[in-house]
Amino acid sequence: MARKRSSTAEDFTDIVAMLPWWAGCALALVSYVLLHRVATQQMVVNTAPGHLSDLMVQSIWMGLATAGQYFVPILCLAGAAMSAYRRRQRQTLVTNVGSGKAADALDGISWQEFELLVGEAFRLQGYQVAETGGAGPDGGVDLVLRKGGEKFLVQCKQWKAFTVGVTIVRELYGAMAANGAAGGMVVTSGRFTDEANAFAQGRNVTLIDGPALLKLIQRAQASRMAGSKEPVTTAATGPKAVIQPLCPSCSKPMVRRTAKKGGTAGSTFWGCVDFPACRGTRQNQ
């Protein structure tokens, strides 16, 4: 569900909030320097016929820069503060949920917190995460993940009393094809229907239910606390959680792929995230 925005200023602040907090502070400094330079430059006055419109445009730009040299940096700093707050909120969610013993630990959070929690779980695995909030004509995608030059789409469904059906999985699969994504994940605090599990089999769609998500968070949190340099990559296809293997050639994490050519076309295998730089593969176990 996407939050309604009421102004361009809020849109800009939200965009800056998607960046690391230090990037928002850097944007505030750069925007002030550039706009201040425009606002304080000497105006070239030319009253000759045909040049009055140029003078008017110059005056408008200087006026906008005069106000913008303060307004834009303030928005950037507000976005940086929001980014820092969300980062702290995500870390707190991971700590609180990770300390739980069962998937019931996910029941006490809102759907917004659930999306933040899932995004942070993937960040701890080494993914770059963009939170879209399900906005846009993208099949309701909530997160866009990037790793090794590839893109992965994620739908978050915090459905406590309902199971996620095959329709949701089909929507994500269609969004993957439309956006050129290498894979996709549907994450829920509940369960998936048998039809949803069957549809995901043999496709680059990973289904992560409540118990599997809790294990993912706990393993990722343990890896971070231990200072491990290798991301912990846990996924689930259907009701059973599996550990994604490391590449036999470069030791980087691997992702499920579907063979498109040859006698094995249509079958799935594990491929290195660094493809095509690395062509390491493993067969499904």
Protein backbone atom coordinates (compact mmCIF):
# COMPACT_ATOMS: atom_id res chain seq x y z
CA MET A 1 0.00 0.00 0.00
CA ALA A 2 1.48 3.32 -1.04
CA ARG A 3 1.33 6.40 1.15
CA LYS A 4 -0.33 9.43 -0.43
CA ARG A 5 1.94 12.43 -0.82
CA SER A 6 0.57 15.95 -0.78
CA SER A 7 3.39 18.08 -2.17
CA THR A 8 6.51 18.16 -4.32
CA ALA A 9 8.55 18.98 -1.20
CA GLU A 10 7.40 15.74 0.45
CA ASP A 11 8.20 13.79 -2.72
CA PHE A 12 11.72 15.26 -2.79
CA THR A 13 12.27 14.57 0.92
CA ASP A 14 11.13 10.95 0.50
CA ILE A 15 13.53 10.46 -2.41
CA VAL A 16 16.44 11.81 -0.35
CA ALA A 17 15.34 9.56 2.55
CA MET A 18 15.92 6.52 0.32
CA LEU A 19 19.63 7.40 0.27
CA PRO A 20 22.08 6.85 3.15
CA TRP A 21 21.91 9.68 5.69
CA TRP A 22 25.40 10.89 4.80
CA ALA A 23 24.39 11.19 1.13
CA GLY A 24 21.51 13.48 2.15
CA CYS A 25 23.92 15.68 4.11
CA ALA A 26 26.27 15.82 1.12
CA LEU A 27 23.38 16.84 -1.15
CA ALA A 28 22.47 19.62 1.28
CA LEU A 29 26.00 21.03 1.11
CA VAL A 30 26.31 20.74 -2.67
CA SER A 31 22.88 22.27 -3.32
CA TYR A 32 23.65 25.24 -1.06
CA VAL A 33 26.98 25.93 -2.77
CA LEU A 34 25.52 25.75 -6.28
CA LEU A 35 22.38 27.76 -5.56
CA HIS A 36 24.26 30.34 -3.51
CA ARG A 37 26.60 30.88 -6.45
CA VAL A 38 23.64 31.56 -8.74
CA ALA A 39 21.88 33.77 -6.19
CA THR A 40 24.92 36.02 -5.63
CA GLN A 41 26.16 36.35 -9.19
CA GLN A 42 26.14 39.82 -10.72
CA MET A 43 23.16 40.49 -12.93
CA VAL A 44 23.98 41.56 -16.48
CA VAL A 45 21.68 44.46 -17.35
CA ASN A 46 20.93 44.93 -21.03
CA THR A 47 17.98 47.18 -21.85
CA ALA A 48 18.43 46.94 -25.58
CA PRO A 49 15.31 45.97 -27.53
CA GLY A 50 14.92 42.19 -27.70
CA HIS A 51 16.91 41.53 -24.53
CA LEU A 52 14.24 42.40 -21.95
CA SER A 53 12.99 38.80 -21.91
CA ASP A 54 16.52 37.58 -21.14
CA LEU A 55 16.69 40.02 -18.24
CA MET A 56 13.36 38.76 -16.92
CA VAL A 57 14.47 35.10 -17.10
CA GLN A 58 17.72 35.96 -15.33
CA SER A 59 15.81 37.76 -12.57
CA ILE A 60 13.48 34.79 -12.09
CA TRP A 61 16.39 32.32 -11.84
CA MET A 62 18.19 34.50 -9.32
CA GLY A 63 15.01 34.84 -7.26
CA LEU A 64 14.45 31.11 -7.21
CA ALA A 65 18.09 30.47 -6.31
CA THR A 66 17.92 33.01 -3.48
CA ALA A 67 15.06 31.13 -1.84
CA GLY A 68 16.27 27.70 -2.90
CA GLN A 69 19.74 28.07 -1.39
CA TYR A 70 18.09 27.63 2.01
CA PHE A 71 14.95 25.67 1.18
CA VAL A 72 16.56 22.81 -0.78
CA PRO A 73 19.31 22.10 1.81
CA ILE A 74 16.67 22.04 4.55
CA LEU A 75 14.72 19.41 2.59
CA CYS A 76 17.90 17.41 2.07
CA LEU A 77 18.72 17.51 5.77
CA ALA A 78 15.14 16.48 6.59
CA GLY A 79 15.52 13.53 4.23
CA ALA A 80 18.86 12.63 5.82
CA ALA A 81 17.28 12.69 9.27
CA MET A 82 14.42 10.50 8.02
CA SER A 83 16.93 8.08 6.49
CA ALA A 84 18.84 7.82 9.78
CA TYR A 85 15.58 7.29 11.70
CA ARG A 86 14.42 4.55 9.33
CA ARG A 87 17.80 2.87 9.54
CA ARG A 88 17.59 2.85 13.31
CA GLN A 89 13.99 1.61 13.14
CA ARG A 90 14.97 -1.26 10.81
CA GLN A 91 17.82 -2.33 13.08
CA THR A 92 15.52 -2.26 16.11
CA LEU A 93 12.94 -4.36 14.27
CA VAL A 94 15.57 -6.95 13.32
CA THR A 95 16.79 -7.13 16.92
CA ASN A 96 13.30 -7.45 18.41
CA VAL A 97 12.00 -9.98 15.90
CA GLY A 98 15.28 -11.91 15.79
CA SER A 99 15.10 -12.48 19.53
CA GLY A 100 11.75 -14.26 19.11
CA LYS A 101 11.53 -18.03 19.25
CA ALA A 102 8.66 -18.48 16.78
CA ALA A 103 7.04 -16.82 13.79
CA ASP A 104 4.53 -15.26 16.22
CA ALA A 105 7.21 -12.61 16.80
CA LEU A 106 6.08 -11.11 13.47
CA ASP A 107 2.48 -10.64 14.59
CA GLY A 108 2.98 -7.53 16.67
CA ILE A 109 4.25 -5.25 13.88
CA SER A 110 2.38 -3.17 11.31
CA TRP A 111 2.52 -3.79 7.54
CA GLN A 112 4.83 -0.77 7.17
CA GLU A 113 7.21 -2.19 9.77
CA PHE A 114 6.96 -5.59 8.07
CA GLU A 115 8.22 -4.09 4.78
CA LEU A 116 11.06 -2.30 6.61
CA LEU A 117 11.95 -5.56 8.37
CA VAL A 118 12.05 -7.57 5.14
CA GLY A 119 14.14 -4.88 3.44
CA GLU A 120 16.66 -4.87 6.27
CA ALA A 121 16.85 -8.68 6.22
CA PHE A 122 17.91 -8.53 2.56
CA ARG A 123 20.35 -5.68 3.25
CA LEU A 124 22.06 -7.92 5.78
CA GLN A 125 22.50 -10.44 2.96
CA GLY A 126 24.40 -7.91 0.86
CA TYR A 127 21.57 -6.71 -1.38
CA GLN A 128 21.01 -3.08 -2.35
CA VAL A 129 17.39 -2.39 -1.41
CA ALA A 130 15.01 0.22 -2.83
CA GLU A 131 11.68 0.52 -0.99
CA THR A 132 8.88 1.33 -3.44
CA GLY A 133 5.93 0.77 -1.13
CA GLY A 134 4.03 -1.05 -3.87
CA ALA A 135 3.61 2.15 -5.89
CA GLY A 136 3.39 2.20 -9.66
CA PRO A 137 2.23 -0.24 -12.36
CA ASP A 138 4.69 -2.96 -11.30
CA GLY A 139 2.42 -5.67 -9.98
CA GLY A 140 2.48 -4.33 -6.41
CA VAL A 141 6.24 -4.74 -5.93
CA ASP A 142 7.32 -3.44 -2.52
CA LEU A 143 11.11 -3.85 -2.74
CA VAL A 144 13.60 -3.86 -5.59
CA LEU A 145 16.83 -5.69 -4.78
CA ARG A 146 20.11 -5.49 -6.68
CA LYS A 147 23.18 -7.65 -6.35
CA GLY A 148 25.88 -8.61 -8.80
CA GLY A 149 24.35 -6.48 -11.55
CA GLU A 150 21.02 -8.33 -11.35
CA LYS A 151 17.60 -7.15 -10.20
CA PHE A 152 15.15 -9.01 -7.97
CA LEU A 153 11.56 -8.01 -7.11
CA VAL A 154 9.90 -8.58 -3.74
CA GLN A 155 6.28 -8.53 -2.63
CA CYS A 156 5.56 -8.31 1.10
CA LYS A 157 2.29 -9.74 2.41
CA GLN A 158 1.74 -9.45 6.14
CA TRP A 159 -1.35 -11.62 6.16
CA LYS A 160 -1.78 -13.13 9.61
CA ALA A 161 -5.15 -14.84 9.12
CA PHE A 162 -4.93 -15.71 5.41
CA THR A 163 -2.66 -17.80 3.22
CA VAL A 164 -1.06 -16.25 0.15
CA GLY A 165 -2.58 -17.74 -3.00
CA VAL A 166 -1.26 -18.43 -6.46
CA THR A 167 -2.66 -15.16 -7.86
CA ILE A 168 -0.10 -13.11 -5.93
CA VAL A 169 2.74 -15.33 -7.13
CA ARG A 170 1.56 -15.07 -10.74
CA GLU A 171 1.43 -11.27 -10.48
CA LEU A 172 5.01 -11.17 -9.27
CA TYR A 173 6.13 -13.54 -12.02
CA GLY A 174 4.52 -11.25 -14.61
CA ALA A 175 6.20 -8.20 -13.05
CA MET A 176 9.55 -10.01 -13.23
CA ALA A 177 9.14 -10.56 -16.98
CA ALA A 178 7.99 -6.98 -17.56
CA ASN A 179 10.90 -5.50 -15.61
CA GLY A 180 13.65 -7.87 -16.76
CA ALA A 181 14.25 -9.16 -13.22
CA ALA A 182 16.47 -12.19 -12.65
CA GLY A 183 14.25 -13.45 -9.85
CA GLY A 184 11.56 -12.59 -7.34
CA MET A 185 10.46 -13.29 -3.78
CA VAL A 186 7.08 -13.25 -2.07
CA VAL A 187 7.46 -12.82 1.69
CA THR A 188 4.62 -13.33 4.16
CA SER A 189 4.23 -13.63 7.90
CA GLY A 190 1.71 -16.40 7.22
CA ARG A 191 1.69 -19.35 4.82
CA PHE A 192 1.32 -20.14 1.12
CA THR A 193 -1.32 -22.30 -0.51
CA ASP A 194 -0.36 -25.56 -2.19
CA GLU A 195 -1.20 -23.97 -5.57
CA ALA A 196 1.22 -21.10 -4.88
CA ASN A 197 3.98 -23.54 -3.92
CA ALA A 198 3.37 -25.62 -7.04
CA PHE A 199 3.48 -22.56 -9.33
CA ALA A 200 6.79 -21.37 -7.82
CA GLN A 201 8.47 -24.72 -8.43
CA GLY A 202 10.76 -24.61 -11.47
CA ARG A 203 10.58 -20.82 -11.70
CA ASN A 204 12.88 -18.12 -10.32
CA VAL A 205 10.30 -17.27 -7.67
CA THR A 206 11.18 -17.81 -4.01
CA LEU A 207 8.41 -18.11 -1.43
CA ILE A 208 9.38 -17.13 2.11
CA ASP A 209 6.78 -17.86 4.82
CA GLY A 210 6.76 -16.73 8.45
CA PRO A 211 9.02 -19.44 9.93
CA ALA A 212 11.50 -19.15 7.04
CA LEU A 213 11.60 -15.34 7.39
CA LEU A 214 12.28 -15.63 11.11
CA LYS A 215 15.18 -18.01 10.43
CA LEU A 216 16.52 -15.66 7.75
CA ILE A 217 16.46 -12.72 10.16
CA GLN A 218 18.07 -14.70 12.99
CA ARG A 219 20.88 -16.01 10.78
CA ALA A 220 21.53 -12.60 9.24
CA GLN A 221 21.57 -10.96 12.67
CA ALA A 222 23.96 -13.61 14.00
CA SER A 223 26.23 -13.05 11.00
CA ARG A 224 26.29 -9.29 11.59
CA MET A 225 27.00 -9.66 15.31
CA ALA A 226 29.81 -12.08 14.55
CA GLY A 227 31.32 -9.61 12.08
CA SER A 228 31.18 -12.09 9.20
CA LYS A 229 32.23 -10.70 5.83
CA GLU A 230 30.19 -13.26 3.89
CA PRO A 231 26.47 -12.48 3.66
CA VAL A 232 24.18 -15.18 5.00
CA THR A 233 21.75 -16.09 2.23
CA THR A 234 18.69 -18.00 3.31
CA ALA A 235 15.64 -18.53 1.15
CA ALA A 236 12.61 -20.76 0.93
CA THR A 237 10.80 -22.44 -1.90
CA GLY A 238 7.53 -23.66 -0.58
CA PRO A 239 7.28 -24.50 3.09
CA LYS A 240 10.88 -25.72 3.43
CA ALA A 241 13.77 -23.32 4.04
CA VAL A 242 16.98 -23.87 2.09
CA ILE A 243 20.44 -22.35 2.30
CA GLN A 244 21.64 -20.78 -0.92
CA PRO A 245 25.11 -22.18 -1.71
CA LEU A 246 28.29 -20.25 -2.41
CA CYS A 247 29.88 -20.26 -5.85
CA PRO A 248 32.54 -23.00 -6.25
CA SER A 249 34.64 -20.64 -8.38
CA CYS A 250 34.62 -17.31 -6.49
CA SER A 251 32.78 -18.11 -3.19
CA LYS A 252 30.12 -15.44 -3.81
CA PRO A 253 26.42 -16.17 -3.11
CA MET A 254 24.41 -17.99 -5.79
CA VAL A 255 20.86 -17.51 -7.08
CA ARG A 256 18.42 -19.87 -8.76
CA ARG A 257 18.28 -19.64 -12.54
CA THR A 258 16.36 -21.39 -15.29
CA ALA A 259 18.19 -22.92 -18.25
CA LYS A 260 16.96 -21.41 -21.53
CA LYS A 261 18.91 -23.46 -24.08
CA GLY A 262 20.16 -26.98 -24.70
CA GLY A 263 18.86 -30.29 -23.48
CA THR A 264 18.30 -28.95 -19.94
CA ALA A 265 16.09 -26.03 -21.06
CA GLY A 266 13.43 -25.31 -18.44
CA SER A 267 15.32 -26.90 -15.55
CA THR A 268 16.64 -24.85 -12.62
CA PHE A 269 20.15 -24.63 -11.26
CA TRP A 270 22.26 -22.40 -9.00
CA GLY A 271 24.26 -19.68 -10.77
CA CYS A 272 26.77 -17.16 -9.42
CA VAL A 273 25.42 -13.65 -8.73
CA ASP A 274 28.52 -12.27 -10.48
CA PHE A 275 27.48 -13.74 -13.88
CA PRO A 276 28.71 -13.17 -16.60
CA ALA A 277 32.04 -12.29 -14.93
CA CYS A 278 31.85 -15.63 -13.15
CA ARG A 279 30.13 -18.65 -14.68
CA GLY A 280 30.19 -20.93 -11.65
CA THR A 281 27.14 -23.20 -11.30
CA ARG A 282 25.76 -25.86 -8.98
CA GLN A 283 22.95 -28.31 -9.52
CA ASN A 284 19.85 -28.16 -7.33
CA GLN A 285 20.12 -30.40 -4.32
